Amino acid sequence: MSAVQEKLTGLLVSQLGVPAAKIEPGITYKDLALDSLALIELTMLINRELGGALDDDVLQGETTIADTVELIESQGVRA
């Protein structure tokens, strides 16, 4: 697991209450039952905690944990 994925997992667990056992690279935020408000909060947390520059709507739809990690790392963030 990359440092970015570990940090993202930590944010999902500690800030949004997602059970750690449910978080897998291929799972979508929809599968985790996160609504649009939770996704905006997660985006803000990622930007603040990891120094990312994600738009508010980037985590919508069928975006997976792996997609998010790839997007964050493509911005040069390495946690």
PDB file of N, CA and C in Angstrom:
ATOM      1  N   MET A   1       0.848  -1.172   0.000  1.00  0.00           N
ATOM      2  CA  MET A   1       0.000   0.000   0.000  1.00  0.00           C
ATOM      3  C   MET A   1       0.896   1.239   0.000  1.00  0.00           C
ATOM      4  N   SER A   2       0.602   2.161  -0.891  1.00  0.00           N
ATOM      5  CA  SER A   2       1.397   3.387  -0.970  1.00  0.00           C
ATOM      6  C   SER A   2       1.084   4.298   0.210  1.00  0.00           C
ATOM      7  N   ALA A   3       1.966   5.259   0.443  1.00  0.00           N
ATOM      8  CA  ALA A   3       1.769   6.218   1.533  1.00  0.00           C
ATOM      9  C   ALA A   3       0.501   7.037   1.304  1.00  0.00           C
ATOM     10  N   VAL A   4       0.216   7.375   0.049  1.00  0.00           N
ATOM     11  CA  VAL A   4      -0.996   8.136  -0.267  1.00  0.00           C
ATOM     12  C   VAL A   4      -2.234   7.308   0.059  1.00  0.00           C
ATOM     13  N   GLN A   5      -2.224   6.033  -0.309  1.00  0.00           N
ATOM     14  CA  GLN A   5      -3.369   5.178  -0.016  1.00  0.00           C
ATOM     15  C   GLN A   5      -3.556   5.002   1.489  1.00  0.00           C
ATOM     16  N   GLU A   6      -2.464   4.873   2.214  1.00  0.00           N
ATOM     17  CA  GLU A   6      -2.557   4.763   3.677  1.00  0.00           C
ATOM     18  C   GLU A   6      -3.184   6.018   4.282  1.00  0.00           C
ATOM     19  N   LYS A   7      -2.750   7.178   3.801  1.00  0.00           N
ATOM     20  CA  LYS A   7      -3.280   8.443   4.316  1.00  0.00           C
ATOM     21  C   LYS A   7      -4.756   8.595   3.958  1.00  0.00           C
ATOM     22  N   LEU A   8      -5.117   8.243   2.712  1.00  0.00           N
ATOM     23  CA  LEU A   8      -6.509   8.309   2.285  1.00  0.00           C
ATOM     24  C   LEU A   8      -7.374   7.377   3.124  1.00  0.00           C
ATOM     25  N   THR A   9      -6.903   6.177   3.350  1.00  0.00           N
ATOM     26  CA  THR A   9      -7.617   5.219   4.190  1.00  0.00           C
ATOM     27  C   THR A   9      -7.803   5.788   5.593  1.00  0.00           C
ATOM     28  N   GLY A  10      -6.756   6.377   6.137  1.00  0.00           N
ATOM     29  CA  GLY A  10      -6.837   6.988   7.458  1.00  0.00           C
ATOM     30  C   GLY A  10      -7.879   8.091   7.526  1.00  0.00           C
ATOM     31  N   LEU A  11      -7.959   8.915   6.491  1.00  0.00           N
ATOM     32  CA  LEU A  11      -8.956   9.984   6.452  1.00  0.00           C
ATOM     33  C   LEU A  11     -10.364   9.412   6.385  1.00  0.00           C
ATOM     34  N   LEU A  12     -10.552   8.391   5.566  1.00  0.00           N
ATOM     35  CA  LEU A  12     -11.871   7.777   5.449  1.00  0.00           C
ATOM     36  C   LEU A  12     -12.321   7.179   6.777  1.00  0.00           C
ATOM     37  N   VAL A  13     -11.397   6.540   7.480  1.00  0.00           N
ATOM     38  CA  VAL A  13     -11.732   5.894   8.750  1.00  0.00           C
ATOM     39  C   VAL A  13     -11.933   6.925   9.856  1.00  0.00           C
ATOM     40  N   SER A  14     -10.961   7.799  10.043  1.00  0.00           N
ATOM     41  CA  SER A  14     -11.007   8.711  11.194  1.00  0.00           C
ATOM     42  C   SER A  14     -11.968   9.887  11.019  1.00  0.00           C
ATOM     43  N   GLN A  15     -12.103  10.384   9.820  1.00  0.00           N
ATOM     44  CA  GLN A  15     -12.924  11.581   9.618  1.00  0.00           C
ATOM     45  C   GLN A  15     -14.338  11.285   9.126  1.00  0.00           C
ATOM     46  N   LEU A  16     -14.498  10.190   8.376  1.00  0.00           N
ATOM     47  CA  LEU A  16     -15.816   9.900   7.804  1.00  0.00           C
ATOM     48  C   LEU A  16     -16.454   8.625   8.347  1.00  0.00           C
ATOM     49  N   GLY A  17     -15.745   7.938   9.246  1.00  0.00           N
ATOM     50  CA  GLY A  17     -16.322   6.781   9.905  1.00  0.00           C
ATOM     51  C   GLY A  17     -16.500   5.538   9.053  1.00  0.00           C
ATOM     52  N   VAL A  18     -15.752   5.440   7.964  1.00  0.00           N
ATOM     53  CA  VAL A  18     -15.834   4.256   7.116  1.00  0.00           C
ATOM     54  C   VAL A  18     -15.054   3.119   7.794  1.00  0.00           C
ATOM     55  N   PRO A  19     -15.640   1.934   7.905  1.00  0.00           N
ATOM     56  CA  PRO A  19     -14.909   0.809   8.501  1.00  0.00           C
ATOM     57  C   PRO A  19     -13.681   0.439   7.654  1.00  0.00           C
ATOM     58  N   ALA A  20     -12.539   0.321   8.288  1.00  0.00           N
ATOM     59  CA  ALA A  20     -11.287   0.033   7.576  1.00  0.00           C
ATOM     60  C   ALA A  20     -11.378  -1.244   6.753  1.00  0.00           C
ATOM     61  N   ALA A  21     -12.106  -2.229   7.232  1.00  0.00           N
ATOM     62  CA  ALA A  21     -12.216  -3.513   6.536  1.00  0.00           C
ATOM     63  C   ALA A  21     -12.916  -3.392   5.180  1.00  0.00           C
ATOM     64  N   LYS A  22     -13.701  -2.329   4.990  1.00  0.00           N
ATOM     65  CA  LYS A  22     -14.422  -2.142   3.726  1.00  0.00           C
ATOM     66  C   LYS A  22     -13.575  -1.456   2.654  1.00  0.00           C
ATOM     67  N   ILE A  23     -12.479  -0.839   3.054  1.00  0.00           N
ATOM     68  CA  ILE A  23     -11.700  -0.018   2.125  1.00  0.00           C
ATOM     69  C   ILE A  23     -10.718  -0.886   1.345  1.00  0.00           C
ATOM     70  N   GLU A  24     -10.977  -0.996   0.054  1.00  0.00           N
ATOM     71  CA  GLU A  24     -10.132  -1.742  -0.869  1.00  0.00           C
ATOM     72  C   GLU A  24      -9.878  -0.871  -2.094  1.00  0.00           C
ATOM     73  N   PRO A  25      -8.782  -1.090  -2.801  1.00  0.00           N
ATOM     74  CA  PRO A  25      -8.459  -0.241  -3.947  1.00  0.00           C
ATOM     75  C   PRO A  25      -9.568  -0.138  -4.995  1.00  0.00           C
ATOM     76  N   GLY A  26     -10.281  -1.213  -5.255  1.00  0.00           N
ATOM     77  CA  GLY A  26     -11.283  -1.207  -6.322  1.00  0.00           C
ATOM     78  C   GLY A  26     -12.673  -0.776  -5.920  1.00  0.00           C
ATOM     79  N   ILE A  27     -12.877  -0.425  -4.660  1.00  0.00           N
ATOM     80  CA  ILE A  27     -14.210  -0.043  -4.199  1.00  0.00           C
ATOM     81  C   ILE A  27     -14.484   1.422  -4.535  1.00  0.00           C
ATOM     82  N   THR A  28     -15.728   1.709  -4.903  1.00  0.00           N
ATOM     83  CA  THR A  28     -16.103   3.087  -5.210  1.00  0.00           C
ATOM     84  C   THR A  28     -16.632   3.763  -3.945  1.00  0.00           C
ATOM     85  N   TYR A  29     -16.682   5.078  -3.996  1.00  0.00           N
ATOM     86  CA  TYR A  29     -17.235   5.830  -2.866  1.00  0.00           C
ATOM     87  C   TYR A  29     -18.731   5.561  -2.751  1.00  0.00           C
ATOM     88  N   LYS A  30     -19.359   5.299  -3.888  1.00  0.00           N
ATOM     89  CA  LYS A  30     -20.774   4.934  -3.893  1.00  0.00           C
ATOM     90  C   LYS A  30     -20.975   3.630  -3.116  1.00  0.00           C
ATOM     91  N   ASP A  31     -20.071   2.661  -3.338  1.00  0.00           N
ATOM     92  CA  ASP A  31     -20.137   1.392  -2.607  1.00  0.00           C
ATOM     93  C   ASP A  31     -19.928   1.582  -1.108  1.00  0.00           C
ATOM     94  N   LEU A  32     -19.206   2.622  -0.741  1.00  0.00           N
ATOM     95  CA  LEU A  32     -18.973   2.931   0.670  1.00  0.00           C
ATOM     96  C   LEU A  32     -20.107   3.756   1.268  1.00  0.00           C
ATOM     97  N   ALA A  33     -21.124   4.038   0.444  1.00  0.00           N
ATOM     98  CA  ALA A  33     -22.316   4.790   0.855  1.00  0.00           C
ATOM     99  C   ALA A  33     -21.992   6.221   1.283  1.00  0.00           C
ATOM    100  N   LEU A  34     -21.020   6.826   0.614  1.00  0.00           N
ATOM    101  CA  LEU A  34     -20.692   8.225   0.901  1.00  0.00           C
ATOM    102  C   LEU A  34     -21.518   9.120  -0.018  1.00  0.00           C
ATOM    103  N   ASP A  35     -22.235  10.053   0.569  1.00  0.00           N
ATOM    104  CA  ASP A  35     -23.053  10.961  -0.227  1.00  0.00           C
ATOM    105  C   ASP A  35     -22.207  12.128  -0.740  1.00  0.00           C
ATOM    106  N   SER A  36     -22.833  13.005  -1.517  1.00  0.00           N
ATOM    107  CA  SER A  36     -22.087  14.098  -2.145  1.00  0.00           C
ATOM    108  C   SER A  36     -21.457  15.036  -1.119  1.00  0.00           C
ATOM    109  N   LEU A  37     -22.115  15.264  -0.006  1.00  0.00           N
ATOM    110  CA  LEU A  37     -21.548  16.126   1.042  1.00  0.00           C
ATOM    111  C   LEU A  37     -20.296  15.493   1.643  1.00  0.00           C
ATOM    112  N   ALA A  38     -20.347  14.187   1.899  1.00  0.00           N
ATOM    113  CA  ALA A  38     -19.185  13.477   2.439  1.00  0.00           C
ATOM    114  C   ALA A  38     -18.031  13.508   1.442  1.00  0.00           C
ATOM    115  N   LEU A  39     -18.337  13.430   0.150  1.00  0.00           N
ATOM    116  CA  LEU A  39     -17.285  13.459  -0.870  1.00  0.00           C
ATOM    117  C   LEU A  39     -16.638  14.842  -0.962  1.00  0.00           C
ATOM    118  N   ILE A  40     -17.422  15.877  -0.787  1.00  0.00           N
ATOM    119  CA  ILE A  40     -16.853  17.232  -0.764  1.00  0.00           C
ATOM    120  C   ILE A  40     -15.962  17.386   0.465  1.00  0.00           C
ATOM    121  N   GLU A  41     -16.421  16.871   1.604  1.00  0.00           N
ATOM    122  CA  GLU A  41     -15.606  16.917   2.815  1.00  0.00           C
ATOM    123  C   GLU A  41     -14.301  16.143   2.618  1.00  0.00           C
ATOM    124  N   LEU A  42     -14.390  14.966   2.006  1.00  0.00           N
ATOM    125  CA  LEU A  42     -13.191  14.164   1.747  1.00  0.00           C
ATOM    126  C   LEU A  42     -12.237  14.904   0.819  1.00  0.00           C
ATOM    127  N   THR A  43     -12.765  15.541  -0.207  1.00  0.00           N
ATOM    128  CA  THR A  43     -11.929  16.311  -1.130  1.00  0.00           C
ATOM    129  C   THR A  43     -11.189  17.419  -0.384  1.00  0.00           C
ATOM    130  N   MET A  44     -11.894  18.117   0.487  1.00  0.00           N
ATOM    131  CA  MET A  44     -11.256  19.181   1.270  1.00  0.00           C
ATOM    132  C   MET A  44     -10.184  18.615   2.189  1.00  0.00           C
ATOM    133  N   LEU A  45     -10.443  17.468   2.797  1.00  0.00           N
ATOM    134  CA  LEU A  45      -9.456  16.819   3.668  1.00  0.00           C
ATOM    135  C   LEU A  45      -8.217  16.408   2.877  1.00  0.00           C
ATOM    136  N   ILE A  46      -8.424  15.831   1.714  1.00  0.00           N
ATOM    137  CA  ILE A  46      -7.296  15.425   0.857  1.00  0.00           C
ATOM    138  C   ILE A  46      -6.455  16.641   0.509  1.00  0.00           C
ATOM    139  N   ASN A  47      -7.119  17.707   0.089  1.00  0.00           N
ATOM    140  CA  ASN A  47      -6.386  18.915  -0.302  1.00  0.00           C
ATOM    141  C   ASN A  47      -5.616  19.502   0.873  1.00  0.00           C
ATOM    142  N   ARG A  48      -6.224  19.490   2.055  1.00  0.00           N
ATOM    143  CA  ARG A  48      -5.566  20.061   3.235  1.00  0.00           C
ATOM    144  C   ARG A  48      -4.465  19.142   3.775  1.00  0.00           C
ATOM    145  N   GLU A  49      -4.769  17.876   3.939  1.00  0.00           N
ATOM    146  CA  GLU A  49      -3.841  16.944   4.579  1.00  0.00           C
ATOM    147  C   GLU A  49      -2.725  16.444   3.667  1.00  0.00           C
ATOM    148  N   LEU A  50      -3.020  16.337   2.383  1.00  0.00           N
ATOM    149  CA  LEU A  50      -2.034  15.791   1.447  1.00  0.00           C
ATOM    150  C   LEU A  50      -1.455  16.841   0.502  1.00  0.00           C
ATOM    151  N   GLY A  51      -2.015  18.032   0.528  1.00  0.00           N
ATOM    152  CA  GLY A  51      -1.522  19.072  -0.362  1.00  0.00           C
ATOM    153  C   GLY A  51      -1.962  18.881  -1.801  1.00  0.00           C
ATOM    154  N   GLY A  52      -3.058  18.146  -1.983  1.00  0.00           N
ATOM    155  CA  GLY A  52      -3.586  17.944  -3.332  1.00  0.00           C
ATOM    156  C   GLY A  52      -4.320  19.178  -3.809  1.00  0.00           C
ATOM    157  N   ALA A  53      -4.735  19.138  -5.057  1.00  0.00           N
ATOM    158  CA  ALA A  53      -5.504  20.236  -5.644  1.00  0.00           C
ATOM    159  C   ALA A  53      -6.664  19.643  -6.428  1.00  0.00           C
ATOM    160  N   LEU A  54      -7.503  18.880  -5.732  1.00  0.00           N
ATOM    161  CA  LEU A  54      -8.622  18.209  -6.376  1.00  0.00           C
ATOM    162  C   LEU A  54      -9.828  19.132  -6.432  1.00  0.00           C
ATOM    163  N   ASP A  55     -10.586  19.056  -7.530  1.00  0.00           N
ATOM    164  CA  ASP A  55     -11.840  19.783  -7.650  1.00  0.00           C
ATOM    165  C   ASP A  55     -12.906  19.074  -6.831  1.00  0.00           C
ATOM    166  N   ASP A  56     -13.937  19.808  -6.434  1.00  0.00           N
ATOM    167  CA  ASP A  56     -14.989  19.260  -5.577  1.00  0.00           C
ATOM    168  C   ASP A  56     -15.733  18.072  -6.178  1.00  0.00           C
ATOM    169  N   ASP A  57     -15.812  17.999  -7.505  1.00  0.00           N
ATOM    170  CA  ASP A  57     -16.615  16.955  -8.135  1.00  0.00           C
ATOM    171  C   ASP A  57     -15.812  15.749  -8.618  1.00  0.00           C
ATOM    172  N   VAL A  58     -14.522  15.724  -8.353  1.00  0.00           N
ATOM    173  CA  VAL A  58     -13.660  14.678  -8.902  1.00  0.00           C
ATOM    174  C   VAL A  58     -13.950  13.291  -8.316  1.00  0.00           C
ATOM    175  N   LEU A  59     -14.502  13.200  -7.137  1.00  0.00           N
ATOM    176  CA  LEU A  59     -14.748  11.908  -6.500  1.00  0.00           C
ATOM    177  C   LEU A  59     -16.155  11.375  -6.767  1.00  0.00           C
ATOM    178  N   GLN A  60     -16.932  12.076  -7.559  1.00  0.00           N
ATOM    179  CA  GLN A  60     -18.303  11.655  -7.867  1.00  0.00           C
ATOM    180  C   GLN A  60     -18.299  10.475  -8.845  1.00  0.00           C
ATOM    181  N   GLY A  61     -19.437   9.848  -8.997  1.00  0.00           N
ATOM    182  CA  GLY A  61     -19.587   8.776  -9.978  1.00  0.00           C
ATOM    183  C   GLY A  61     -18.977   7.476  -9.523  1.00  0.00           C
ATOM    184  N   GLU A  62     -18.285   6.829 -10.426  1.00  0.00           N
ATOM    185  CA  GLU A  62     -17.719   5.501 -10.168  1.00  0.00           C
ATOM    186  C   GLU A  62     -16.232   5.555  -9.807  1.00  0.00           C
ATOM    187  N   THR A  63     -15.793   6.637  -9.224  1.00  0.00           N
ATOM    188  CA  THR A  63     -14.396   6.789  -8.828  1.00  0.00           C
ATOM    189  C   THR A  63     -14.063   5.805  -7.713  1.00  0.00           C
ATOM    190  N   THR A  64     -12.938   5.112  -7.868  1.00  0.00           N
ATOM    191  CA  THR A  64     -12.505   4.141  -6.856  1.00  0.00           C
ATOM    192  C   THR A  64     -11.401   4.735  -5.984  1.00  0.00           C
ATOM    193  N   ILE A  65     -11.077   4.026  -4.931  1.00  0.00           N
ATOM    194  CA  ILE A  65      -9.956   4.414  -4.070  1.00  0.00           C
ATOM    195  C   ILE A  65      -8.673   4.454  -4.912  1.00  0.00           C
ATOM    196  N   ALA A  66      -8.465   3.431  -5.745  1.00  0.00           N
ATOM    197  CA  ALA A  66      -7.269   3.361  -6.596  1.00  0.00           C
ATOM    198  C   ALA A  66      -7.215   4.543  -7.561  1.00  0.00           C
ATOM    199  N   ASP A  67      -8.371   4.926  -8.136  1.00  0.00           N
ATOM    200  CA  ASP A  67      -8.419   6.091  -9.033  1.00  0.00           C
ATOM    201  C   ASP A  67      -7.980   7.347  -8.296  1.00  0.00           C
ATOM    202  N   THR A  68      -8.452   7.492  -7.071  1.00  0.00           N
ATOM    203  CA  THR A  68      -8.132   8.675  -6.277  1.00  0.00           C
ATOM    204  C   THR A  68      -6.643   8.723  -5.950  1.00  0.00           C
ATOM    205  N   VAL A  69      -6.087   7.588  -5.545  1.00  0.00           N
ATOM    206  CA  VAL A  69      -4.655   7.521  -5.236  1.00  0.00           C
ATOM    207  C   VAL A  69      -3.841   7.889  -6.471  1.00  0.00           C
ATOM    208  N   GLU A  70      -4.215   7.346  -7.619  1.00  0.00           N
ATOM    209  CA  GLU A  70      -3.512   7.644  -8.867  1.00  0.00           C
ATOM    210  C   GLU A  70      -3.590   9.126  -9.205  1.00  0.00           C
ATOM    211  N   LEU A  71      -4.766   9.714  -9.035  1.00  0.00           N
ATOM    212  CA  LEU A  71      -4.953  11.137  -9.315  1.00  0.00           C
ATOM    213  C   LEU A  71      -4.096  12.003  -8.390  1.00  0.00           C
ATOM    214  N   ILE A  72      -4.083  11.673  -7.113  1.00  0.00           N
ATOM    215  CA  ILE A  72      -3.294  12.436  -6.137  1.00  0.00           C
ATOM    216  C   ILE A  72      -1.808  12.318  -6.468  1.00  0.00           C
ATOM    217  N   GLU A  73      -1.357  11.094  -6.728  1.00  0.00           N
ATOM    218  CA  GLU A  73       0.062  10.884  -7.044  1.00  0.00           C
ATOM    219  C   GLU A  73       0.452  11.538  -8.364  1.00  0.00           C
ATOM    220  N   SER A  74      -0.481  11.643  -9.308  1.00  0.00           N
ATOM    221  CA  SER A  74      -0.178  12.299 -10.591  1.00  0.00           C
ATOM    222  C   SER A  74       0.078  13.794 -10.404  1.00  0.00           C
ATOM    223  N   GLN A  75      -0.379  14.337  -9.278  1.00  0.00           N
ATOM    224  CA  GLN A  75      -0.134  15.744  -8.950  1.00  0.00           C
ATOM    225  C   GLN A  75       1.198  15.931  -8.231  1.00  0.00           C
ATOM    226  N   GLY A  76       1.935  14.844  -8.085  1.00  0.00           N
ATOM    227  CA  GLY A  76       3.248  14.931  -7.434  1.00  0.00           C
ATOM    228  C   GLY A  76       3.210  14.767  -5.943  1.00  0.00           C
ATOM    229  N   VAL A  77       2.036  14.474  -5.378  1.00  0.00           N
ATOM    230  CA  VAL A  77       1.907  14.278  -3.941  1.00  0.00           C
ATOM    231  C   VAL A  77       2.342  12.872  -3.587  1.00  0.00           C
ATOM    232  N   ARG A  78       3.169  12.756  -2.588  1.00  0.00           N
ATOM    233  CA  ARG A  78       3.650  11.448  -2.162  1.00  0.00           C
ATOM    234  C   ARG A  78       3.408  11.170  -0.684  1.00  0.00           C
ATOM    235  N   ALA A  79       2.630  12.018  -0.042  1.00  0.00           N
ATOM    236  CA  ALA A  79       2.295  11.908   1.390  1.00  0.00           C
ATOM    237  C   ALA A  79       3.555  11.881   2.156  1.00  0.00           C
TER     238      ALA A  79
END
